[in-house]
Amino acid sequence: MRALVLGAYGLIGSAVADRLIDAGWDVVGLGRSIKVARRLRPEIAWRRADIATLLRPNDWTPFLDGVDAVVNCAGALQDGARDDVAAVQRDAMTALYAAAEAAAVRRFVQISAVGARPDAATRFMRTKGEADAALAASRLDWTILRPGLVIGPAAYGGTALLRGLANFPLVAPVIAGDALIQTIAVEEVAEAVHAALAGRVASCRAYDLVEDEAHSLDAVVAALRAALGRPPARALRAPRWLGRLLFDIGDLAGRLGWRPPMRTAALLEIEAGVRGDPDPWRAAGGRPVQSLATTLRRLPSTVQERWFGRLFLLKPAITVTLALFWMASGAIGLMRLHEAAEVLLSRGANGSFATSAALLGALIDLALGAAILVRRTHVAAAWGMIAVTALYLAGATLFAPDLWLDPLGPLLKAFAVALLALVALAIEEER
């Protein structure tokens, strides 16, 4: 049996692919960025495609050859430089349903979300709800699974943010701490997919996959903090205006190509809560979802999880610090171009060379500072900062060696700047 898994390198998709492989399925993984995925999971037959561009049934036909089942684990939280929510979650899916019908695909499992419906408040939930409705109206043998807050050993999206909040020093900052959340372990979602494909639950049904008890967001963060071995901390309720500002900044980061979990769509979903009904799943023969306490007890809790949680919140701070430092350096260089050139002139350089070098250096600083804020150019900018710092040090050694003994240590401080750029490179991967 062969299954096509959309988004097979994501938090849920990777767990689903692993479970199906363990059950003897041949898995074909479809995604946009599969270079790393091929190295990590060579046992999966990877196919590269941008789902947002597969908007006609014929676009999907090449990917369905020999496929017995499709599992849709793809999704996008909010529109951004790299994501079109409606295209990924609704338009491409309706084309896929038609293609799957024509290809006689036996079963189709859709990973949706608790609260997804066509009249939902957010574009994320609306498009998922519209896709669910289109699937339910198709002739496919379908199952829609709507998990609550998915928790797993891999850190991505909302689970990464929870780890960051749980590792925050001294306090546990939260927004909408009273919001009620029901959770599920990612392995249980994968098991539910396998149960649906194996025919162990009734098909042509939609099921919420949630635990019985709902917890406040405060309680979820506190429980995760304890599971990670961090000391108890007082919950710090951030005012909504501050939360909205932070999530608006997340929206801006999304337009620059990043995928931060703190975006306004996520804020609205948090405030609405993550609540579902576990009874239909149990009544259909599905395995009851374990409690949050059991999920957290089975999660790894080692130094790498604690390191990640601390670095996750520092990552945007590091990026912004580098951007501000380099752009400020460039702006000051332009505003005081004569003084910058004088550093070289006083050491024997000719006038045109000194002015040109100062101007070029200022423009390069500005460009690097802006480029590191953009996801597509982030890595190149960080390497550029390291290279330019090395050139600055080499040039200063050649033309102004006395600066090494300057009491303010301008050249010595350059090593810290280069090291911070190296840290940015070390933590740049999203998954």
Protein backbone atom coordinates (compact mmCIF):
# COMPACT_ATOMS: atom_id res chain seq x y z
CA MET A 1 0.00 0.00 0.00
CA ARG A 2 1.25 3.46 -0.87
CA ALA A 3 0.29 6.70 0.86
CA LEU A 4 0.93 10.25 -0.30
CA VAL A 5 1.55 12.42 2.77
CA LEU A 6 1.35 16.17 2.23
CA GLY A 7 3.66 18.11 4.53
CA ALA A 8 5.50 14.95 5.55
CA TYR A 9 8.37 16.90 7.14
CA GLY A 10 6.15 18.94 9.48
CA LEU A 11 5.34 18.31 13.12
CA ILE A 12 2.31 16.13 12.38
CA GLY A 13 3.30 14.94 8.90
CA SER A 14 6.61 13.47 10.02
CA ALA A 15 4.93 11.52 12.82
CA VAL A 16 2.27 10.26 10.40
CA ALA A 17 4.90 9.17 7.87
CA ASP A 18 6.85 7.30 10.56
CA ARG A 19 3.72 5.51 11.80
CA LEU A 20 2.72 4.42 8.31
CA ILE A 21 6.23 3.18 7.53
CA ASP A 22 6.16 1.14 10.75
CA ALA A 23 2.85 -0.35 9.58
CA GLY A 24 4.38 -1.44 6.27
CA TRP A 25 3.18 1.37 4.00
CA ASP A 26 5.27 2.88 1.23
CA VAL A 27 5.22 6.61 1.92
CA VAL A 28 5.57 9.35 -0.66
CA GLY A 29 6.24 12.72 0.95
CA LEU A 30 5.23 15.93 -0.80
CA GLY A 31 6.54 19.32 0.19
CA ARG A 32 8.13 22.53 -0.95
CA SER A 33 11.47 22.29 0.87
CA ILE A 34 12.67 18.69 0.92
CA LYS A 35 16.47 19.01 0.77
CA VAL A 36 16.95 18.42 4.49
CA ALA A 37 14.00 16.01 4.64
CA ARG A 38 15.69 13.71 2.12
CA ARG A 39 18.75 13.47 4.36
CA LEU A 40 16.76 12.94 7.55
CA ARG A 41 14.27 10.41 6.15
CA PRO A 42 15.75 8.69 3.10
CA GLU A 43 13.20 5.88 3.44
CA ILE A 44 10.48 8.27 2.20
CA ALA A 45 10.09 8.85 -1.55
CA TRP A 46 10.17 12.64 -1.61
CA ARG A 47 8.47 14.73 -4.28
CA ARG A 48 9.03 18.47 -4.44
CA ALA A 49 6.09 20.77 -5.17
CA ASP A 50 4.63 24.03 -3.91
CA ILE A 51 1.12 22.99 -2.93
CA ALA A 52 -0.13 26.56 -3.36
CA THR A 53 0.54 26.27 -7.11
CA LEU A 54 -1.33 22.96 -7.61
CA LEU A 55 -4.71 24.55 -8.26
CA ARG A 56 -6.08 22.29 -11.01
CA PRO A 57 -6.82 18.56 -10.85
CA ASN A 58 -4.31 17.89 -13.63
CA ASP A 59 -1.58 19.48 -11.49
CA TRP A 60 -2.03 16.67 -8.96
CA THR A 61 -2.25 13.76 -11.38
CA PRO A 62 1.53 13.01 -11.53
CA PHE A 63 1.68 12.72 -7.74
CA LEU A 64 -1.19 10.22 -7.47
CA ASP A 65 0.21 7.48 -9.70
CA GLY A 66 0.02 4.20 -7.75
CA VAL A 67 -1.24 5.95 -4.60
CA ASP A 68 -3.83 4.11 -2.49
CA ALA A 69 -4.39 6.78 0.15
CA VAL A 70 -3.72 10.47 0.70
CA VAL A 71 -3.06 12.09 4.08
CA ASN A 72 -3.19 15.88 4.10
CA CYS A 73 -0.99 17.27 6.87
CA ALA A 74 -0.22 20.55 5.08
CA GLY A 75 -1.31 23.96 6.28
CA ALA A 76 -0.38 27.61 6.70
CA LEU A 77 -1.16 29.73 9.75
CA GLN A 78 -1.36 33.10 8.03
CA ASP A 79 -0.63 34.80 4.73
CA GLY A 80 2.97 35.91 4.36
CA ALA A 81 5.87 36.19 1.96
CA ARG A 82 6.03 32.39 1.65
CA ASP A 83 2.44 31.38 2.38
CA ASP A 84 -0.99 31.80 0.80
CA VAL A 85 -3.47 30.35 3.27
CA ALA A 86 -6.43 30.06 0.90
CA ALA A 87 -4.35 28.49 -1.85
CA VAL A 88 -2.72 25.89 0.41
CA GLN A 89 -5.65 24.97 2.62
CA ARG A 90 -8.67 25.34 0.32
CA ASP A 91 -8.01 25.90 -3.38
CA ALA A 92 -5.28 23.29 -3.83
CA MET A 93 -7.26 20.80 -1.75
CA THR A 94 -10.43 21.06 -3.82
CA ALA A 95 -8.32 20.38 -6.91
CA LEU A 96 -6.71 17.43 -5.13
CA TYR A 97 -10.10 15.93 -4.21
CA ALA A 98 -11.14 15.94 -7.86
CA ALA A 99 -7.82 14.43 -8.94
CA ALA A 100 -8.03 11.76 -6.24
CA GLU A 101 -11.53 10.80 -7.38
CA ALA A 102 -10.32 10.47 -10.97
CA ALA A 103 -7.31 8.41 -9.85
CA ALA A 104 -9.51 6.07 -7.77
CA VAL A 105 -7.63 6.81 -4.55
CA ARG A 106 -9.09 4.49 -1.94
CA ARG A 107 -8.96 6.65 1.17
CA PHE A 108 -8.35 10.27 2.09
CA VAL A 109 -7.51 11.49 5.60
CA GLN A 110 -7.53 15.21 6.28
CA ILE A 111 -5.80 16.76 9.29
CA SER A 112 -7.97 19.76 10.10
CA ALA A 113 -8.24 21.65 13.40
CA VAL A 114 -10.67 21.93 16.27
CA GLY A 115 -12.88 24.91 15.50
CA ALA A 116 -12.47 24.75 11.71
CA ARG A 117 -15.67 25.80 9.98
CA PRO A 118 -16.60 27.93 6.96
CA ASP A 119 -17.84 30.80 9.15
CA ALA A 120 -14.87 30.84 11.56
CA ALA A 121 -13.32 34.14 12.66
CA THR A 122 -9.88 33.63 11.13
CA ARG A 123 -8.82 32.93 7.57
CA PHE A 124 -6.87 29.93 8.86
CA MET A 125 -9.94 28.26 10.35
CA ARG A 126 -12.31 29.39 7.58
CA THR A 127 -10.24 27.90 4.78
CA LYS A 128 -9.77 24.67 6.71
CA GLY A 129 -13.52 24.54 7.29
CA GLU A 130 -14.23 25.21 3.62
CA ALA A 131 -11.80 22.47 2.61
CA ASP A 132 -13.44 20.07 5.06
CA ALA A 133 -16.85 20.84 3.60
CA ALA A 134 -15.59 20.26 0.06
CA LEU A 135 -14.05 16.93 1.08
CA ALA A 136 -17.27 15.85 2.79
CA ALA A 137 -19.16 16.60 -0.43
CA SER A 138 -16.78 14.52 -2.54
CA ARG A 139 -17.13 10.88 -3.58
CA LEU A 140 -13.95 9.89 -1.72
CA ASP A 141 -13.84 7.56 1.28
CA TRP A 142 -12.77 10.34 3.63
CA THR A 143 -12.04 10.93 7.29
CA ILE A 144 -11.48 14.37 8.83
CA LEU A 145 -9.42 14.50 12.03
CA ARG A 146 -9.47 17.70 14.08
CA PRO A 147 -6.74 17.62 16.72
CA GLY A 148 -6.50 20.03 19.60
CA LEU A 149 -3.19 21.58 20.62
CA VAL A 150 -0.64 19.07 19.31
CA ILE A 151 2.36 18.44 21.55
CA GLY A 152 5.36 16.44 20.44
CA PRO A 153 9.10 16.03 20.88
CA ALA A 154 9.79 18.13 17.79
CA ALA A 155 9.65 21.87 18.38
CA TYR A 156 7.87 23.86 15.71
CA GLY A 157 5.22 26.56 15.63
CA GLY A 158 3.01 26.70 18.69
CA THR A 159 4.86 23.93 20.53
CA ALA A 160 8.13 25.84 20.06
CA LEU A 161 6.52 28.97 21.49
CA LEU A 162 5.23 27.01 24.49
CA ARG A 163 8.74 25.74 25.15
CA GLY A 164 10.06 29.28 24.98
CA LEU A 165 7.45 30.56 27.43
CA ALA A 166 8.02 27.59 29.75
CA ASN A 167 11.75 28.33 29.87
CA PHE A 168 11.37 32.07 30.47
CA PRO A 169 13.43 33.19 33.48
CA LEU A 170 11.72 34.04 36.78
CA VAL A 171 8.18 34.42 35.39
CA ALA A 172 5.93 32.69 32.86
CA PRO A 173 4.59 35.41 30.53
CA VAL A 174 1.27 34.57 28.88
CA ILE A 175 -1.48 36.31 26.95
CA ALA A 176 -5.07 35.12 27.37
CA GLY A 177 -3.96 32.87 30.21
CA ASP A 178 -7.57 31.91 31.00
CA ALA A 179 -8.17 30.46 27.53
CA LEU A 180 -9.12 26.79 27.74
CA ILE A 181 -7.00 24.27 25.85
CA GLN A 182 -7.38 20.56 25.14
CA THR A 183 -4.26 18.79 23.95
CA ILE A 184 -3.14 15.65 22.16
CA ALA A 185 0.25 14.01 21.65
CA VAL A 186 1.50 14.02 18.07
CA GLU A 187 1.95 10.23 18.21
CA GLU A 188 -1.76 9.89 18.94
CA VAL A 189 -2.63 11.93 15.86
CA ALA A 190 -0.43 9.61 13.80
CA GLU A 191 -2.11 6.57 15.35
CA ALA A 192 -5.53 8.03 14.55
CA VAL A 193 -4.50 8.46 10.91
CA HIS A 194 -3.40 4.84 10.76
CA ALA A 195 -6.66 3.72 12.38
CA ALA A 196 -8.63 5.64 9.75
CA LEU A 197 -6.62 4.18 6.87
CA ALA A 198 -6.92 0.68 8.33
CA GLY A 199 -10.70 1.00 8.56
CA ARG A 200 -10.79 0.67 12.34
CA VAL A 201 -13.08 3.70 12.66
CA ALA A 202 -16.09 4.65 10.58
CA SER A 203 -15.20 6.73 7.53
CA CYS A 204 -17.04 9.71 6.06
CA ARG A 205 -17.01 11.26 9.53
CA ALA A 206 -15.23 14.18 11.18
CA TYR A 207 -13.70 13.58 14.61
CA ASP A 208 -12.24 15.89 17.23
CA LEU A 209 -9.02 14.47 18.68
CA VAL A 210 -8.75 15.94 22.16
CA GLU A 211 -8.26 14.83 25.73
CA ASP A 212 -11.20 14.85 28.13
CA GLU A 213 -10.06 17.69 30.38
CA ALA A 214 -9.50 21.29 29.31
CA HIS A 215 -6.71 23.34 30.89
CA SER A 216 -6.08 27.06 31.07
CA LEU A 217 -3.15 28.29 29.00
CA ASP A 218 -1.50 29.29 32.29
CA ALA A 219 -1.78 25.69 33.47
CA VAL A 220 -0.40 24.27 30.21
CA VAL A 221 2.68 26.51 30.37
CA ALA A 222 3.18 25.72 34.07
CA ALA A 223 2.90 21.98 33.45
CA LEU A 224 5.36 22.12 30.57
CA ARG A 225 7.73 24.19 32.67
CA ALA A 226 7.64 21.54 35.40
CA ALA A 227 8.12 18.75 32.85
CA LEU A 228 11.24 20.49 31.55
CA GLY A 229 12.71 20.63 35.05
CA ARG A 230 12.40 24.38 35.47
CA PRO A 231 11.50 25.84 38.88
CA PRO A 232 7.95 27.10 39.41
CA ALA A 233 7.31 30.65 38.24
CA ARG A 234 4.51 33.13 38.70
CA ALA A 235 2.32 33.61 35.64
CA LEU A 236 2.76 37.12 34.27
CA ARG A 237 -0.38 38.24 32.45
CA ALA A 238 0.61 40.59 29.66
CA PRO A 239 -2.02 43.23 28.79
CA ARG A 240 -3.83 42.63 25.52
CA TRP A 241 -2.48 45.80 23.89
CA LEU A 242 1.07 44.58 24.48
CA GLY A 243 0.19 41.13 23.22
CA ARG A 244 -1.43 42.62 20.13
CA LEU A 245 1.70 44.71 19.49
CA LEU A 246 3.95 41.65 19.75
CA PHE A 247 1.71 39.62 17.47
CA ASP A 248 1.58 42.53 14.98
CA ILE A 249 5.37 42.45 14.93
CA GLY A 250 5.05 38.75 14.21
CA ASP A 251 2.84 39.62 11.22
CA LEU A 252 5.57 41.95 9.96
CA ALA A 253 8.10 39.15 10.33
CA GLY A 254 5.76 36.95 8.29
CA ARG A 255 5.80 39.49 5.47
CA LEU A 256 9.60 39.32 5.58
CA GLY A 257 9.47 35.58 4.98
CA TRP A 258 9.60 34.26 8.54
CA ARG A 259 6.99 31.96 10.08
CA PRO A 260 6.78 33.02 13.71
CA PRO A 261 4.08 31.37 15.81
CA MET A 262 3.24 34.79 17.31
CA ARG A 263 0.93 36.19 14.63
CA THR A 264 -2.50 37.74 14.94
CA ALA A 265 -4.26 34.63 13.62
CA ALA A 266 -2.68 32.64 16.45
CA LEU A 267 -3.69 35.30 18.99
CA LEU A 268 -7.33 35.10 17.91
CA GLU A 269 -7.27 31.30 18.08
CA ILE A 270 -5.68 31.36 21.54
CA GLU A 271 -8.30 33.78 22.83
CA ALA A 272 -11.08 31.61 21.39
CA GLY A 273 -9.65 28.54 23.09
CA VAL A 274 -8.97 25.07 21.71
CA ARG A 275 -11.98 22.96 22.66
CA GLY A 276 -13.43 19.84 21.09
CA ASP A 277 -15.69 16.88 21.83
CA PRO A 278 -13.80 13.60 22.40
CA ASP A 279 -16.94 11.42 22.60
CA PRO A 280 -17.60 10.74 18.86
CA TRP A 281 -14.04 9.48 18.40
CA ARG A 282 -14.36 7.08 21.32
CA ALA A 283 -17.80 5.96 20.19
CA ALA A 284 -16.39 5.13 16.74
CA GLY A 285 -13.80 2.84 18.31
CA GLY A 286 -10.92 5.28 18.41
CA ARG A 287 -8.37 5.06 21.19
CA PRO A 288 -9.08 7.64 23.94
CA VAL A 289 -6.66 10.55 23.92
CA GLN A 290 -4.26 10.57 26.84
CA SER A 291 -4.14 13.40 29.36
CA LEU A 292 -1.76 16.35 29.20
CA ALA A 293 0.08 14.97 32.23
CA THR A 294 0.71 11.67 30.43
CA THR A 295 1.81 13.44 27.25
CA LEU A 296 4.31 15.59 29.14
CA ARG A 297 5.60 12.66 31.18
CA ARG A 298 6.53 10.90 27.93
CA LEU A 299 8.26 13.91 26.38
CA PRO A 300 12.06 14.07 26.49
CA SER A 301 13.29 16.48 29.15
CA THR A 302 17.01 16.94 28.67
CA VAL A 303 19.43 19.80 28.35
CA GLN A 304 18.73 20.11 24.63
CA GLU A 305 15.05 20.92 25.30
CA ARG A 306 16.03 23.53 27.88
CA TRP A 307 18.63 25.04 25.54
CA PHE A 308 16.10 25.25 22.74
CA GLY A 309 13.48 26.93 24.91
CA ARG A 310 15.90 29.65 25.96
CA LEU A 311 17.37 30.19 22.51
CA PHE A 312 13.95 30.25 20.83
CA LEU A 313 13.03 33.55 22.45
CA LEU A 314 16.56 34.92 21.96
CA LYS A 315 16.55 34.19 18.22
CA PRO A 316 14.47 37.22 17.17
CA ALA A 317 16.35 39.38 19.67
CA ILE A 318 19.67 38.32 18.13
CA THR A 319 18.42 39.05 14.61
CA VAL A 320 17.05 42.47 15.54
CA THR A 321 20.19 43.36 17.51
CA LEU A 322 22.41 42.56 14.55
CA ALA A 323 20.14 44.50 12.20
CA LEU A 324 20.07 47.59 14.42
CA PHE A 325 23.81 47.49 15.05
CA TRP A 326 24.76 47.29 11.38
CA MET A 327 22.14 49.76 10.16
CA ALA A 328 23.05 52.24 12.90
CA SER A 329 26.72 51.85 12.01
CA GLY A 330 25.94 52.53 8.36
CA ALA A 331 23.68 55.49 9.12
CA ILE A 332 26.26 57.10 11.41
CA GLY A 333 28.91 56.50 8.76
CA LEU A 334 26.82 58.36 6.17
CA MET A 335 25.94 61.21 8.52
CA ARG A 336 29.58 61.66 9.55
CA LEU A 337 31.24 60.65 6.30
CA HIS A 338 33.96 63.28 6.60
CA GLU A 339 34.96 62.13 10.09
CA ALA A 340 34.95 58.49 8.94
CA ALA A 341 37.22 59.34 6.01
CA GLU A 342 39.47 61.34 8.33
CA VAL A 343 40.42 58.14 10.15
CA LEU A 344 42.13 56.98 6.95
CA LEU A 345 43.34 60.42 5.87
CA SER A 346 45.15 60.95 9.16
CA ARG A 347 47.03 57.75 8.52
CA GLY A 348 48.29 58.59 5.05
CA ALA A 349 45.49 57.47 2.72
CA ASN A 350 44.67 59.77 -0.21
CA GLY A 351 41.44 61.77 -0.15
CA SER A 352 39.44 59.99 -2.84
CA PHE A 353 40.29 56.54 -1.50
CA ALA A 354 39.41 57.49 2.07
CA THR A 355 36.06 59.00 1.11
CA SER A 356 35.17 56.12 -1.20
CA ALA A 357 36.11 53.52 1.40
CA ALA A 358 34.08 55.25 4.11
CA LEU A 359 31.05 55.59 1.80
CA LEU A 360 31.26 52.00 0.61
CA GLY A 361 31.61 50.71 4.15
CA ALA A 362 28.55 52.64 5.31
CA LEU A 363 26.42 51.37 2.43
CA ILE A 364 27.54 47.77 3.02
CA ASP A 365 26.66 48.09 6.70
CA LEU A 366 23.17 49.36 5.85
CA ALA A 367 22.61 46.59 3.30
CA LEU A 368 23.71 43.83 5.68
CA GLY A 369 21.56 45.19 8.50
CA ALA A 370 18.48 45.21 6.29
CA ALA A 371 19.23 41.84 4.67
CA ILE A 372 19.47 39.90 7.92
CA LEU A 373 15.85 40.80 8.69
CA VAL A 374 14.62 39.03 5.54
CA ARG A 375 14.34 35.24 5.78
CA ARG A 376 15.53 34.63 2.23
CA THR A 377 18.74 36.65 2.72
CA HIS A 378 19.27 35.97 6.43
CA VAL A 379 22.01 33.36 6.07
CA ALA A 380 23.90 35.26 3.38
CA ALA A 381 23.72 38.44 5.47
CA ALA A 382 25.10 36.71 8.57
CA TRP A 383 28.01 35.30 6.60
CA GLY A 384 28.47 38.74 5.04
CA MET A 385 28.70 40.31 8.49
CA ILE A 386 31.41 37.87 9.48
CA ALA A 387 33.33 38.46 6.24
CA VAL A 388 33.03 42.26 6.44
CA THR A 389 34.13 42.22 10.08
CA ALA A 390 37.20 40.24 9.06
CA LEU A 391 37.91 42.76 6.28
CA TYR A 392 37.48 45.66 8.69
CA LEU A 393 39.96 44.08 11.09
CA ALA A 394 42.42 43.36 8.29
CA GLY A 395 42.08 46.89 6.91
CA ALA A 396 42.50 48.44 10.33
CA THR A 397 45.58 46.32 10.96
CA LEU A 398 47.04 47.54 7.66
CA PHE A 399 46.08 51.22 7.77
CA ALA A 400 45.41 51.98 11.44
CA PRO A 401 47.17 49.41 13.66
CA ASP A 402 47.11 51.84 16.57
CA LEU A 403 43.37 51.20 16.93
CA TRP A 404 44.18 47.82 18.48
CA LEU A 405 45.38 49.73 21.54
CA ASP A 406 42.57 52.28 21.56
CA PRO A 407 41.22 52.42 25.14
CA LEU A 408 37.64 52.02 23.88
CA GLY A 409 38.60 48.79 22.09
CA PRO A 410 36.70 49.29 18.80
CA LEU A 411 38.54 46.47 17.06
CA LEU A 412 38.29 44.06 19.97
CA LYS A 413 34.52 44.56 20.11
CA ALA A 414 34.26 43.48 16.48
CA PHE A 415 34.95 39.90 17.56
CA ALA A 416 31.75 39.92 19.64
CA VAL A 417 29.77 41.16 16.63
CA ALA A 418 31.13 38.36 14.44
CA LEU A 419 30.43 35.80 17.15
CA LEU A 420 26.81 36.97 17.44
CA ALA A 421 26.43 36.51 13.68
CA LEU A 422 27.77 32.96 14.09
CA VAL A 423 25.14 32.31 16.77
CA ALA A 424 22.45 33.54 14.36
CA LEU A 425 23.71 31.04 11.78
CA ALA A 426 23.76 28.22 14.32
CA ILE A 427 20.06 28.65 15.17
CA GLU A 428 18.65 29.77 11.81
CA GLU A 429 16.91 26.49 10.90
CA GLU A 430 13.13 26.48 11.35
CA ARG A 431 12.70 22.70 11.58
